[in-house]
Amino acid sequence: MIKKLFLFLISVFSFLTIGCQTVEPPLEEWVLARAAYEAARSVQAAKYSPGFWHQAEESYKKARILYKEESYDEAKAEFVAARRAAEKAENSARLKRQQSGEVL
């Protein structure tokens, strides 16, 4: 009887311990997304590459909201999407500015 109770308590404790593990906040993804976002803004991506800029902006805003709600897995995916879109916006804007003869 005591052995069964002991095993039951161990399983409950194990379940609670495993069930309460938390996901790490996606700080690295946030920093990289922010840097890409700022780089795209610095080359006027909103003007020269509005499609990619809009995608980056929306993903970044959504990721910050998810981060505040502690939905870290979803926030991480959105930060990655924001970084990729911001990088595309920056590259596209740089290319268009160079083709038009503007100095960067």
PDB file of N, CA and C in Angstrom:
ATOM      1  N   MET A   1       0.821  -1.189   0.000  1.00  0.00           N
ATOM      2  CA  MET A   1       0.000   0.000   0.000  1.00  0.00           C
ATOM      3  C   MET A   1       0.868   1.258   0.000  1.00  0.00           C
ATOM      4  N   ILE A   2       1.870   1.295   0.853  1.00  0.00           N
ATOM      5  CA  ILE A   2       2.765   2.451   0.925  1.00  0.00           C
ATOM      6  C   ILE A   2       3.572   2.571  -0.368  1.00  0.00           C
ATOM      7  N   LYS A   3       3.932   1.421  -0.918  1.00  0.00           N
ATOM      8  CA  LYS A   3       4.696   1.441  -2.162  1.00  0.00           C
ATOM      9  C   LYS A   3       3.859   2.044  -3.300  1.00  0.00           C
ATOM     10  N   LYS A   4       2.574   1.693  -3.364  1.00  0.00           N
ATOM     11  CA  LYS A   4       1.695   2.241  -4.391  1.00  0.00           C
ATOM     12  C   LYS A   4       1.507   3.747  -4.201  1.00  0.00           C
ATOM     13  N   LEU A   5       1.344   4.165  -2.960  1.00  0.00           N
ATOM     14  CA  LEU A   5       1.194   5.591  -2.676  1.00  0.00           C
ATOM     15  C   LEU A   5       2.452   6.353  -3.070  1.00  0.00           C
ATOM     16  N   PHE A   6       3.599   5.771  -2.732  1.00  0.00           N
ATOM     17  CA  PHE A   6       4.878   6.386  -3.078  1.00  0.00           C
ATOM     18  C   PHE A   6       5.025   6.513  -4.593  1.00  0.00           C
ATOM     19  N   LEU A   7       4.701   5.465  -5.329  1.00  0.00           N
ATOM     20  CA  LEU A   7       4.783   5.507  -6.792  1.00  0.00           C
ATOM     21  C   LEU A   7       3.805   6.524  -7.367  1.00  0.00           C
ATOM     22  N   PHE A   8       2.616   6.601  -6.779  1.00  0.00           N
ATOM     23  CA  PHE A   8       1.631   7.578  -7.225  1.00  0.00           C
ATOM     24  C   PHE A   8       2.143   9.000  -7.016  1.00  0.00           C
ATOM     25  N   LEU A   9       2.707   9.269  -5.864  1.00  0.00           N
ATOM     26  CA  LEU A   9       3.228  10.606  -5.573  1.00  0.00           C
ATOM     27  C   LEU A   9       4.390  10.971  -6.497  1.00  0.00           C
ATOM     28  N   ILE A  10       5.227  10.007  -6.775  1.00  0.00           N
ATOM     29  CA  ILE A  10       6.356  10.253  -7.690  1.00  0.00           C
ATOM     30  C   ILE A  10       5.821  10.568  -9.090  1.00  0.00           C
ATOM     31  N   SER A  11       4.813   9.805  -9.554  1.00  0.00           N
ATOM     32  CA  SER A  11       4.278  10.089 -10.884  1.00  0.00           C
ATOM     33  C   SER A  11       3.588  11.440 -10.945  1.00  0.00           C
ATOM     34  N   VAL A  12       2.869  11.829  -9.906  1.00  0.00           N
ATOM     35  CA  VAL A  12       2.225  13.138  -9.890  1.00  0.00           C
ATOM     36  C   VAL A  12       3.285  14.238  -9.891  1.00  0.00           C
ATOM     37  N   PHE A  13       4.301  14.079  -9.074  1.00  0.00           N
ATOM     38  CA  PHE A  13       5.381  15.070  -9.014  1.00  0.00           C
ATOM     39  C   PHE A  13       6.089  15.172 -10.367  1.00  0.00           C
ATOM     40  N   SER A  14       6.357  14.040 -10.995  1.00  0.00           N
ATOM     41  CA  SER A  14       7.020  14.041 -12.306  1.00  0.00           C
ATOM     42  C   SER A  14       6.156  14.729 -13.355  1.00  0.00           C
ATOM     43  N   PHE A  15       4.869  14.430 -13.330  1.00  0.00           N
ATOM     44  CA  PHE A  15       3.951  15.045 -14.280  1.00  0.00           C
ATOM     45  C   PHE A  15       3.916  16.563 -14.102  1.00  0.00           C
ATOM     46  N   LEU A  16       3.856  17.015 -12.865  1.00  0.00           N
ATOM     47  CA  LEU A  16       3.813  18.448 -12.595  1.00  0.00           C
ATOM     48  C   LEU A  16       5.123  19.123 -12.990  1.00  0.00           C
ATOM     49  N   THR A  17       6.223  18.482 -12.733  1.00  0.00           N
ATOM     50  CA  THR A  17       7.526  19.041 -13.075  1.00  0.00           C
ATOM     51  C   THR A  17       7.694  19.151 -14.588  1.00  0.00           C
ATOM     52  N   ILE A  18       7.342  18.095 -15.288  1.00  0.00           N
ATOM     53  CA  ILE A  18       7.480  18.099 -16.746  1.00  0.00           C
ATOM     54  C   ILE A  18       6.463  19.047 -17.365  1.00  0.00           C
ATOM     55  N   GLY A  19       5.256  19.069 -16.851  1.00  0.00           N
ATOM     56  CA  GLY A  19       4.202  19.913 -17.390  1.00  0.00           C
ATOM     57  C   GLY A  19       4.426  21.389 -17.162  1.00  0.00           C
ATOM     58  N   CYS A  20       5.251  21.761 -16.198  1.00  0.00           N
ATOM     59  CA  CYS A  20       5.462  23.167 -15.871  1.00  0.00           C
ATOM     60  C   CYS A  20       6.726  23.743 -16.487  1.00  0.00           C
ATOM     61  N   GLN A  21       7.378  23.006 -17.356  1.00  0.00           N
ATOM     62  CA  GLN A  21       8.565  23.547 -17.995  1.00  0.00           C
ATOM     63  C   GLN A  21       8.163  24.678 -18.915  1.00  0.00           C
ATOM     64  N   THR A  22       8.976  25.690 -18.947  1.00  0.00           N
ATOM     65  CA  THR A  22       8.664  26.851 -19.765  1.00  0.00           C
ATOM     66  C   THR A  22       9.557  26.891 -20.997  1.00  0.00           C
ATOM     67  N   VAL A  23       9.067  27.572 -21.995  1.00  0.00           N
ATOM     68  CA  VAL A  23       9.821  27.772 -23.232  1.00  0.00           C
ATOM     69  C   VAL A  23      10.632  29.047 -23.061  1.00  0.00           C
ATOM     70  N   GLU A  24      11.850  29.010 -23.542  1.00  0.00           N
ATOM     71  CA  GLU A  24      12.723  30.182 -23.457  1.00  0.00           C
ATOM     72  C   GLU A  24      12.176  31.310 -24.331  1.00  0.00           C
ATOM     73  N   PRO A  25      12.210  32.530 -23.846  1.00  0.00           N
ATOM     74  CA  PRO A  25      11.802  33.670 -24.682  1.00  0.00           C
ATOM     75  C   PRO A  25      12.741  33.811 -25.884  1.00  0.00           C
ATOM     76  N   PRO A  26      12.214  34.133 -27.046  1.00  0.00           N
ATOM     77  CA  PRO A  26      13.029  34.226 -28.266  1.00  0.00           C
ATOM     78  C   PRO A  26      13.769  35.565 -28.362  1.00  0.00           C
ATOM     79  N   LEU A  27      14.682  35.798 -27.445  1.00  0.00           N
ATOM     80  CA  LEU A  27      15.395  37.078 -27.411  1.00  0.00           C
ATOM     81  C   LEU A  27      16.292  37.280 -28.624  1.00  0.00           C
ATOM     82  N   GLU A  28      16.987  36.234 -29.027  1.00  0.00           N
ATOM     83  CA  GLU A  28      17.888  36.360 -30.179  1.00  0.00           C
ATOM     84  C   GLU A  28      17.105  36.700 -31.447  1.00  0.00           C
ATOM     85  N   GLU A  29      15.976  36.023 -31.634  1.00  0.00           N
ATOM     86  CA  GLU A  29      15.153  36.286 -32.812  1.00  0.00           C
ATOM     87  C   GLU A  29      14.605  37.709 -32.785  1.00  0.00           C
ATOM     88  N   TRP A  30      14.255  38.192 -31.583  1.00  0.00           N
ATOM     89  CA  TRP A  30      13.734  39.554 -31.446  1.00  0.00           C
ATOM     90  C   TRP A  30      14.811  40.569 -31.846  1.00  0.00           C
ATOM     91  N   VAL A  31      16.021  40.371 -31.335  1.00  0.00           N
ATOM     92  CA  VAL A  31      17.121  41.304 -31.624  1.00  0.00           C
ATOM     93  C   VAL A  31      17.441  41.309 -33.120  1.00  0.00           C
ATOM     94  N   LEU A  32      17.487  40.131 -33.726  1.00  0.00           N
ATOM     95  CA  LEU A  32      17.793  40.053 -35.156  1.00  0.00           C
ATOM     96  C   LEU A  32      16.680  40.675 -35.998  1.00  0.00           C
ATOM     97  N   ALA A  33      15.436  40.442 -35.604  1.00  0.00           N
ATOM     98  CA  ALA A  33      14.313  41.041 -36.336  1.00  0.00           C
ATOM     99  C   ALA A  33      14.341  42.557 -36.204  1.00  0.00           C
ATOM    100  N   ARG A  34      14.641  43.040 -35.009  1.00  0.00           N
ATOM    101  CA  ARG A  34      14.691  44.493 -34.783  1.00  0.00           C
ATOM    102  C   ARG A  34      15.806  45.138 -35.616  1.00  0.00           C
ATOM    103  N   ALA A  35      16.970  44.482 -35.657  1.00  0.00           N
ATOM    104  CA  ALA A  35      18.091  45.013 -36.437  1.00  0.00           C
ATOM    105  C   ALA A  35      17.755  45.055 -37.930  1.00  0.00           C
ATOM    106  N   ALA A  36      17.130  43.992 -38.427  1.00  0.00           N
ATOM    107  CA  ALA A  36      16.748  43.962 -39.844  1.00  0.00           C
ATOM    108  C   ALA A  36      15.679  45.018 -40.140  1.00  0.00           C
ATOM    109  N   TYR A  37      14.758  45.191 -39.218  1.00  0.00           N
ATOM    110  CA  TYR A  37      13.686  46.183 -39.359  1.00  0.00           C
ATOM    111  C   TYR A  37      14.277  47.593 -39.423  1.00  0.00           C
ATOM    112  N   GLU A  38      15.202  47.890 -38.537  1.00  0.00           N
ATOM    113  CA  GLU A  38      15.844  49.206 -38.515  1.00  0.00           C
ATOM    114  C   GLU A  38      16.691  49.438 -39.766  1.00  0.00           C
ATOM    115  N   ALA A  39      17.368  48.395 -40.233  1.00  0.00           N
ATOM    116  CA  ALA A  39      18.179  48.524 -41.451  1.00  0.00           C
ATOM    117  C   ALA A  39      17.284  48.816 -42.653  1.00  0.00           C
ATOM    118  N   ALA A  40      16.142  48.150 -42.714  1.00  0.00           N
ATOM    119  CA  ALA A  40      15.207  48.398 -43.815  1.00  0.00           C
ATOM    120  C   ALA A  40      14.638  49.817 -43.733  1.00  0.00           C
ATOM    121  N   ARG A  41      14.357  50.265 -42.535  1.00  0.00           N
ATOM    122  CA  ARG A  41      13.838  51.626 -42.370  1.00  0.00           C
ATOM    123  C   ARG A  41      14.882  52.655 -42.803  1.00  0.00           C
ATOM    124  N   SER A  42      16.151  52.375 -42.535  1.00  0.00           N
ATOM    125  CA  SER A  42      17.207  53.346 -42.843  1.00  0.00           C
ATOM    126  C   SER A  42      17.393  53.574 -44.343  1.00  0.00           C
ATOM    127  N   VAL A  43      16.954  52.618 -45.163  1.00  0.00           N
ATOM    128  CA  VAL A  43      17.068  52.791 -46.617  1.00  0.00           C
ATOM    129  C   VAL A  43      15.714  53.092 -47.261  1.00  0.00           C
ATOM    130  N   GLN A  44      14.770  53.534 -46.447  1.00  0.00           N
ATOM    131  CA  GLN A  44      13.435  53.929 -46.907  1.00  0.00           C
ATOM    132  C   GLN A  44      12.718  52.792 -47.627  1.00  0.00           C
ATOM    133  N   ALA A  45      12.737  51.622 -47.008  1.00  0.00           N
ATOM    134  CA  ALA A  45      12.090  50.454 -47.610  1.00  0.00           C
ATOM    135  C   ALA A  45      10.586  50.646 -47.768  1.00  0.00           C
ATOM    136  N   ALA A  46       9.979  51.430 -46.911  1.00  0.00           N
ATOM    137  CA  ALA A  46       8.537  51.673 -47.027  1.00  0.00           C
ATOM    138  C   ALA A  46       8.203  52.343 -48.353  1.00  0.00           C
ATOM    139  N   LYS A  47       9.121  53.149 -48.841  1.00  0.00           N
ATOM    140  CA  LYS A  47       8.907  53.858 -50.108  1.00  0.00           C
ATOM    141  C   LYS A  47       9.293  52.996 -51.314  1.00  0.00           C
ATOM    142  N   TYR A  48      10.420  52.310 -51.224  1.00  0.00           N
ATOM    143  CA  TYR A  48      10.967  51.600 -52.375  1.00  0.00           C
ATOM    144  C   TYR A  48      10.570  50.128 -52.457  1.00  0.00           C
ATOM    145  N   SER A  49      10.144  49.556 -51.351  1.00  0.00           N
ATOM    146  CA  SER A  49       9.728  48.152 -51.336  1.00  0.00           C
ATOM    147  C   SER A  49       8.550  47.974 -50.380  1.00  0.00           C
ATOM    148  N   PRO A  50       7.416  48.596 -50.700  1.00  0.00           N
ATOM    149  CA  PRO A  50       6.300  48.614 -49.752  1.00  0.00           C
ATOM    150  C   PRO A  50       5.721  47.241 -49.421  1.00  0.00           C
ATOM    151  N   GLY A  51       5.758  46.305 -50.361  1.00  0.00           N
ATOM    152  CA  GLY A  51       5.207  44.973 -50.105  1.00  0.00           C
ATOM    153  C   GLY A  51       5.965  44.237 -49.010  1.00  0.00           C
ATOM    154  N   PHE A  52       7.278  44.145 -49.182  1.00  0.00           N
ATOM    155  CA  PHE A  52       8.102  43.469 -48.174  1.00  0.00           C
ATOM    156  C   PHE A  52       8.094  44.254 -46.861  1.00  0.00           C
ATOM    157  N   TRP A  53       8.100  45.581 -46.969  1.00  0.00           N
ATOM    158  CA  TRP A  53       8.089  46.404 -45.756  1.00  0.00           C
ATOM    159  C   TRP A  53       6.822  46.142 -44.949  1.00  0.00           C
ATOM    160  N   HIS A  54       5.696  46.079 -45.621  1.00  0.00           N
ATOM    161  CA  HIS A  54       4.420  45.832 -44.941  1.00  0.00           C
ATOM    162  C   HIS A  54       4.434  44.459 -44.258  1.00  0.00           C
ATOM    163  N   GLN A  55       4.941  43.454 -44.954  1.00  0.00           N
ATOM    164  CA  GLN A  55       5.043  42.113 -44.357  1.00  0.00           C
ATOM    165  C   GLN A  55       5.916  42.141 -43.110  1.00  0.00           C
ATOM    166  N   ALA A  56       7.048  42.819 -43.198  1.00  0.00           N
ATOM    167  CA  ALA A  56       7.964  42.907 -42.059  1.00  0.00           C
ATOM    168  C   ALA A  56       7.305  43.622 -40.887  1.00  0.00           C
ATOM    169  N   GLU A  57       6.656  44.719 -41.176  1.00  0.00           N
ATOM    170  CA  GLU A  57       6.018  45.514 -40.136  1.00  0.00           C
ATOM    171  C   GLU A  57       4.908  44.731 -39.434  1.00  0.00           C
ATOM    172  N   GLU A  58       4.075  44.066 -40.212  1.00  0.00           N
ATOM    173  CA  GLU A  58       2.965  43.297 -39.628  1.00  0.00           C
ATOM    174  C   GLU A  58       3.474  42.123 -38.793  1.00  0.00           C
ATOM    175  N   SER A  59       4.453  41.394 -39.311  1.00  0.00           N
ATOM    176  CA  SER A  59       4.999  40.260 -38.568  1.00  0.00           C
ATOM    177  C   SER A  59       5.682  40.722 -37.284  1.00  0.00           C
ATOM    178  N   TYR A  60       6.392  41.834 -37.363  1.00  0.00           N
ATOM    179  CA  TYR A  60       7.092  42.350 -36.183  1.00  0.00           C
ATOM    180  C   TYR A  60       6.092  42.781 -35.102  1.00  0.00           C
ATOM    181  N   LYS A  61       5.044  43.473 -35.509  1.00  0.00           N
ATOM    182  CA  LYS A  61       4.027  43.898 -34.540  1.00  0.00           C
ATOM    183  C   LYS A  61       3.338  42.691 -33.906  1.00  0.00           C
ATOM    184  N   LYS A  62       2.996  41.715 -34.739  1.00  0.00           N
ATOM    185  CA  LYS A  62       2.332  40.509 -34.231  1.00  0.00           C
ATOM    186  C   LYS A  62       3.255  39.750 -33.269  1.00  0.00           C
ATOM    187  N   ALA A  63       4.530  39.667 -33.608  1.00  0.00           N
ATOM    188  CA  ALA A  63       5.492  38.965 -32.759  1.00  0.00           C
ATOM    189  C   ALA A  63       5.624  39.640 -31.396  1.00  0.00           C
ATOM    190  N   ARG A  64       5.650  40.958 -31.381  1.00  0.00           N
ATOM    191  CA  ARG A  64       5.753  41.673 -30.099  1.00  0.00           C
ATOM    192  C   ARG A  64       4.529  41.426 -29.223  1.00  0.00           C
ATOM    193  N   ILE A  65       3.363  41.381 -29.833  1.00  0.00           N
ATOM    194  CA  ILE A  65       2.141  41.094 -29.069  1.00  0.00           C
ATOM    195  C   ILE A  65       2.194  39.675 -28.507  1.00  0.00           C
ATOM    196  N   LEU A  66       2.586  38.717 -29.345  1.00  0.00           N
ATOM    197  CA  LEU A  66       2.694  37.330 -28.884  1.00  0.00           C
ATOM    198  C   LEU A  66       3.742  37.190 -27.787  1.00  0.00           C
ATOM    199  N   TYR A  67       4.826  37.941 -27.902  1.00  0.00           N
ATOM    200  CA  TYR A  67       5.874  37.900 -26.882  1.00  0.00           C
ATOM    201  C   TYR A  67       5.318  38.389 -25.538  1.00  0.00           C
ATOM    202  N   LYS A  68       4.574  39.479 -25.574  1.00  0.00           N
ATOM    203  CA  LYS A  68       3.986  40.022 -24.343  1.00  0.00           C
ATOM    204  C   LYS A  68       2.982  39.050 -23.731  1.00  0.00           C
ATOM    205  N   GLU A  69       2.315  38.278 -24.575  1.00  0.00           N
ATOM    206  CA  GLU A  69       1.359  37.278 -24.095  1.00  0.00           C
ATOM    207  C   GLU A  69       2.053  35.979 -23.689  1.00  0.00           C
ATOM    208  N   GLU A  70       3.376  35.946 -23.811  1.00  0.00           N
ATOM    209  CA  GLU A  70       4.215  34.794 -23.481  1.00  0.00           C
ATOM    210  C   GLU A  70       3.923  33.573 -24.355  1.00  0.00           C
ATOM    211  N   SER A  71       3.491  33.813 -25.574  1.00  0.00           N
ATOM    212  CA  SER A  71       3.337  32.753 -26.578  1.00  0.00           C
ATOM    213  C   SER A  71       4.643  32.695 -27.361  1.00  0.00           C
ATOM    214  N   TYR A  72       5.668  32.181 -26.702  1.00  0.00           N
ATOM    215  CA  TYR A  72       7.028  32.299 -27.221  1.00  0.00           C
ATOM    216  C   TYR A  72       7.272  31.530 -28.519  1.00  0.00           C
ATOM    217  N   ASP A  73       6.670  30.362 -28.673  1.00  0.00           N
ATOM    218  CA  ASP A  73       6.885  29.613 -29.915  1.00  0.00           C
ATOM    219  C   ASP A  73       6.321  30.369 -31.115  1.00  0.00           C
ATOM    220  N   GLU A  74       5.120  30.897 -30.952  1.00  0.00           N
ATOM    221  CA  GLU A  74       4.502  31.661 -32.035  1.00  0.00           C
ATOM    222  C   GLU A  74       5.248  32.978 -32.273  1.00  0.00           C
ATOM    223  N   ALA A  75       5.685  33.603 -31.199  1.00  0.00           N
ATOM    224  CA  ALA A  75       6.438  34.856 -31.321  1.00  0.00           C
ATOM    225  C   ALA A  75       7.744  34.620 -32.075  1.00  0.00           C
ATOM    226  N   LYS A  76       8.393  33.522 -31.766  1.00  0.00           N
ATOM    227  CA  LYS A  76       9.661  33.202 -32.436  1.00  0.00           C
ATOM    228  C   LYS A  76       9.445  33.074 -33.949  1.00  0.00           C
ATOM    229  N   ALA A  77       8.393  32.370 -34.341  1.00  0.00           N
ATOM    230  CA  ALA A  77       8.103  32.198 -35.773  1.00  0.00           C
ATOM    231  C   ALA A  77       7.819  33.553 -36.435  1.00  0.00           C
ATOM    232  N   GLU A  78       7.107  34.420 -35.755  1.00  0.00           N
ATOM    233  CA  GLU A  78       6.799  35.739 -36.316  1.00  0.00           C
ATOM    234  C   GLU A  78       8.036  36.627 -36.389  1.00  0.00           C
ATOM    235  N   PHE A  79       8.912  36.557 -35.381  1.00  0.00           N
ATOM    236  CA  PHE A  79      10.158  37.332 -35.430  1.00  0.00           C
ATOM    237  C   PHE A  79      11.021  36.879 -36.601  1.00  0.00           C
ATOM    238  N   VAL A  80      11.071  35.578 -36.839  1.00  0.00           N
ATOM    239  CA  VAL A  80      11.844  35.059 -37.975  1.00  0.00           C
ATOM    240  C   VAL A  80      11.241  35.548 -39.291  1.00  0.00           C
ATOM    241  N   ALA A  81       9.908  35.504 -39.392  1.00  0.00           N
ATOM    242  CA  ALA A  81       9.240  35.989 -40.602  1.00  0.00           C
ATOM    243  C   ALA A  81       9.484  37.487 -40.792  1.00  0.00           C
ATOM    244  N   ALA A  82       9.451  38.234 -39.701  1.00  0.00           N
ATOM    245  CA  ALA A  82       9.700  39.681 -39.773  1.00  0.00           C
ATOM    246  C   ALA A  82      11.120  39.969 -40.233  1.00  0.00           C
ATOM    247  N   ARG A  83      12.082  39.214 -39.710  1.00  0.00           N
ATOM    248  CA  ARG A  83      13.481  39.416 -40.108  1.00  0.00           C
ATOM    249  C   ARG A  83      13.661  39.142 -41.596  1.00  0.00           C
ATOM    250  N   ARG A  84      13.099  38.046 -42.064  1.00  0.00           N
ATOM    251  CA  ARG A  84      13.244  37.697 -43.482  1.00  0.00           C
ATOM    252  C   ARG A  84      12.608  38.754 -44.393  1.00  0.00           C
ATOM    253  N   ALA A  85      11.411  39.186 -44.033  1.00  0.00           N
ATOM    254  CA  ALA A  85      10.734  40.200 -44.850  1.00  0.00           C
ATOM    255  C   ALA A  85      11.489  41.526 -44.811  1.00  0.00           C
ATOM    256  N   ALA A  86      12.022  41.891 -43.650  1.00  0.00           N
ATOM    257  CA  ALA A  86      12.783  43.142 -43.528  1.00  0.00           C
ATOM    258  C   ALA A  86      14.074  43.078 -44.340  1.00  0.00           C
ATOM    259  N   GLU A  87      14.724  41.920 -44.334  1.00  0.00           N
ATOM    260  CA  GLU A  87      15.947  41.766 -45.131  1.00  0.00           C
ATOM    261  C   GLU A  87      15.626  41.884 -46.626  1.00  0.00           C
ATOM    262  N   LYS A  88      14.518  41.278 -47.038  1.00  0.00           N
ATOM    263  CA  LYS A  88      14.112  41.392 -48.444  1.00  0.00           C
ATOM    264  C   LYS A  88      13.765  42.842 -48.789  1.00  0.00           C
ATOM    265  N   ALA A  89      13.081  43.513 -47.876  1.00  0.00           N
ATOM    266  CA  ALA A  89      12.712  44.915 -48.106  1.00  0.00           C
ATOM    267  C   ALA A  89      13.959  45.779 -48.218  1.00  0.00           C
ATOM    268  N   GLU A  90      14.920  45.553 -47.341  1.00  0.00           N
ATOM    269  CA  GLU A  90      16.161  46.335 -47.383  1.00  0.00           C
ATOM    270  C   GLU A  90      16.901  46.100 -48.695  1.00  0.00           C
ATOM    271  N   ASN A  91      17.071  44.844 -49.063  1.00  0.00           N
ATOM    272  CA  ASN A  91      17.811  44.530 -50.290  1.00  0.00           C
ATOM    273  C   ASN A  91      17.110  45.084 -51.524  1.00  0.00           C
ATOM    274  N   SER A  92      15.798  44.939 -51.559  1.00  0.00           N
ATOM    275  CA  SER A  92      15.030  45.446 -52.695  1.00  0.00           C
ATOM    276  C   SER A  92      15.127  46.975 -52.775  1.00  0.00           C
ATOM    277  N   ALA A  93      15.019  47.631 -51.641  1.00  0.00           N
ATOM    278  CA  ALA A  93      15.100  49.094 -51.622  1.00  0.00           C
ATOM    279  C   ALA A  93      16.489  49.574 -52.041  1.00  0.00           C
ATOM    280  N   ARG A  94      17.515  48.911 -51.561  1.00  0.00           N
ATOM    281  CA  ARG A  94      18.885  49.280 -51.957  1.00  0.00           C
ATOM    282  C   ARG A  94      19.070  49.133 -53.470  1.00  0.00           C
ATOM    283  N   LEU A  95      18.575  48.020 -53.999  1.00  0.00           N
ATOM    284  CA  LEU A  95      18.717  47.767 -55.432  1.00  0.00           C
ATOM    285  C   LEU A  95      17.978  48.827 -56.256  1.00  0.00           C
ATOM    286  N   LYS A  96      16.756  49.131 -55.870  1.00  0.00           N
ATOM    287  CA  LYS A  96      15.972  50.136 -56.602  1.00  0.00           C
ATOM    288  C   LYS A  96      16.601  51.524 -56.503  1.00  0.00           C
ATOM    289  N   ARG A  97      17.138  51.842 -55.349  1.00  0.00           N
ATOM    290  CA  ARG A  97      17.795  53.154 -55.192  1.00  0.00           C
ATOM    291  C   ARG A  97      19.066  53.218 -56.031  1.00  0.00           C
ATOM    292  N   GLN A  98      19.796  52.133 -56.067  1.00  0.00           N
ATOM    293  CA  GLN A  98      21.028  52.100 -56.862  1.00  0.00           C
ATOM    294  C   GLN A  98      20.703  52.206 -58.353  1.00  0.00           C
ATOM    295  N   GLN A  99      19.679  51.494 -58.790  1.00  0.00           N
ATOM    296  CA  GLN A  99      19.289  51.537 -60.203  1.00  0.00           C
ATOM    297  C   GLN A  99      18.809  52.921 -60.629  1.00  0.00           C
ATOM    298  N   SER A 100      18.221  53.633 -59.700  1.00  0.00           N
ATOM    299  CA  SER A 100      17.728  54.980 -60.038  1.00  0.00           C
ATOM    300  C   SER A 100      18.823  56.036 -59.930  1.00  0.00           C
ATOM    301  N   GLY A 101      20.006  55.635 -59.474  1.00  0.00           N
ATOM    302  CA  GLY A 101      21.127  56.570 -59.375  1.00  0.00           C
ATOM    303  C   GLY A 101      21.200  57.306 -58.050  1.00  0.00           C
ATOM    304  N   GLU A 102      20.354  56.957 -57.114  1.00  0.00           N
ATOM    305  CA  GLU A 102      20.409  57.607 -55.782  1.00  0.00           C
ATOM    306  C   GLU A 102      21.637  57.116 -55.026  1.00  0.00           C
ATOM    307  N   VAL A 103      22.207  58.010 -54.261  1.00  0.00           N
ATOM    308  CA  VAL A 103      23.354  57.662 -53.432  1.00  0.00           C
ATOM    309  C   VAL A 103      22.834  57.144 -52.105  1.00  0.00           C
ATOM    310  N   LEU A 104      23.393  56.023 -51.639  1.00  0.00           N
ATOM    311  CA  LEU A 104      22.963  55.467 -50.362  1.00  0.00           C
ATOM    312  C   LEU A 104      23.789  56.001 -49.236  1.00  0.00           C
TER     313      LEU A 104
END
